[in-house]
Protein backbone atom coordinates (compact mmCIF):
# COMPACT_ATOMS: atom_id res chain seq x y z
CA VAL A 1 68.26 115.82 117.07
CA LEU A 2 70.48 112.75 117.32
CA GLN A 3 71.64 112.21 120.91
CA ASP A 4 72.06 108.43 121.19
CA LEU A 5 73.39 106.13 118.48
CA ASN A 6 73.59 102.38 118.98
CA LEU A 7 75.43 100.64 116.15
CA SER A 8 76.55 97.61 118.15
CA CYS A 9 77.01 94.28 116.34
CA ASN A 10 76.68 95.72 112.84
CA ALA A 11 79.97 94.59 111.26
CA LEU A 12 80.78 98.14 110.19
CA ASP A 13 83.25 98.31 107.29
CA HIS A 14 85.79 101.01 106.45
CA GLU A 15 83.30 103.08 104.43
CA SER A 16 80.81 102.96 107.31
CA ALA A 17 83.57 104.03 109.69
CA GLN A 18 84.37 107.00 107.47
CA GLN A 19 80.74 108.11 107.56
CA LEU A 20 80.66 107.58 111.30
CA GLY A 21 83.83 109.64 111.72
CA PHE A 22 82.14 112.48 109.85
CA ILE A 23 79.01 112.21 112.02
CA VAL A 24 81.02 112.18 115.25
CA ASN A 25 83.14 115.09 114.06
CA SER A 26 80.25 117.30 112.99
CA SER A 27 77.57 116.40 115.53
CA ALA A 28 76.56 119.09 117.97
CA SER A 29 74.18 116.84 119.89
CA LEU A 30 75.48 113.23 119.95
CA GLN A 31 76.00 112.18 123.56
CA THR A 32 76.09 108.36 123.54
CA LEU A 33 77.73 106.10 120.96
CA ASP A 34 77.74 102.30 121.15
CA LEU A 35 80.10 100.62 118.68
CA SER A 36 80.64 97.41 120.62
CA GLY A 37 80.86 94.11 118.80
CA ASN A 38 81.66 95.54 115.38
CA VAL A 39 85.16 94.10 115.09
CA LEU A 40 86.26 97.53 113.86
CA SER A 41 89.55 97.36 111.98
CA GLU A 42 92.63 99.41 112.75
CA ASP A 43 91.79 101.76 109.86
CA ALA A 44 88.27 102.24 111.19
CA GLY A 45 89.69 102.97 114.63
CA ARG A 46 91.92 105.69 113.18
CA VAL A 47 88.97 107.26 111.33
CA LEU A 48 86.99 107.27 114.57
CA ARG A 49 89.95 108.76 116.43
CA ASP A 50 90.15 111.59 113.90
CA GLY A 51 86.42 112.27 114.16
CA LEU A 52 86.55 112.40 117.94
CA GLN A 53 89.14 115.17 117.95
CA GLN A 54 86.55 117.83 117.18
CA ASN A 55 83.60 116.38 119.11
CA ARG A 56 82.70 118.09 122.39
CA THR A 57 79.25 116.62 123.06
CA LEU A 58 79.92 112.88 123.37
CA THR A 59 79.83 111.74 126.99
CA SER A 60 79.68 107.95 126.62
CA MET A 61 81.16 105.55 124.08
CA ASP A 62 81.42 101.76 124.07
CA LEU A 63 84.25 100.25 122.00
CA ARG A 64 84.34 96.74 123.42
CA LEU A 65 84.94 93.80 121.07
CA ASN A 66 86.74 95.64 118.29
CA GLN A 67 90.14 95.09 116.67
CA ILE A 68 91.79 98.46 117.05
CA SER A 69 95.47 98.52 117.98
CA VAL A 70 96.93 99.46 121.32
CA ASP A 71 98.30 102.69 119.79
CA THR A 72 94.95 103.75 118.34
CA ALA A 73 93.18 102.85 121.58
CA ALA A 74 95.70 104.97 123.51
CA ALA A 75 95.15 107.89 121.10
CA ILE A 76 91.37 107.62 121.57
CA ASP A 77 91.93 107.54 125.32
CA GLU A 78 93.96 110.78 125.14
CA ILE A 79 91.21 112.48 123.13
CA CYS A 80 88.63 111.30 125.65
CA LYS A 81 90.60 112.93 128.45
CA THR A 82 90.28 116.33 126.76
CA ASN A 83 86.60 115.83 125.91
CA LYS A 84 83.74 115.18 128.32
CA LEU A 85 83.86 111.41 128.00
CA ASP A 86 83.88 109.38 131.18
CA ALA A 87 87.63 108.77 131.17
CA GLN A 88 87.64 105.96 133.73
CA ARG A 89 84.98 103.97 131.89
CA MET A 90 86.67 104.63 128.55
CA ARG A 91 90.05 103.46 129.84
CA ARG A 92 88.45 100.24 131.05
CA GLU A 93 86.74 99.68 127.69
CA ILE A 94 89.89 100.57 125.76
CA PHE A 95 91.88 98.18 127.94
CA GLU A 96 89.39 95.45 127.07
CA ALA A 97 89.71 96.35 123.38
CA GLN A 98 93.50 96.21 123.67
CA GLN A 99 93.35 92.79 125.30
CA ALA A 100 91.10 91.52 122.53
CA ALA A 101 93.49 92.94 119.90
CA GLN A 102 96.45 91.23 121.58
CA PHE A 103 94.52 87.96 121.74
CA ASN A 104 93.67 88.11 118.02
CA LYS A 105 97.30 88.55 116.90
């Protein structure tokens, strides 16, 4: 049973993000997901956002050092509020992701 998944610093591409979105969406056991340092694109962020909408088991996710937009980060934050994710930690990490996205423009 997959409970913790650390994919940090793997340079995940769009296809990988699609697979990850499917895993996050369908997992009944995944609790921790580390995607930091992947420089995830905006498209990958949207795929992840869509996968998170159905997930109710994830309690911790790290999105630092990715290139998702402010809008996608805000949408992920809203989903996290309805799920069990640590909202305060997620908002801090999403804020950091937003700052990085603004810096890279």
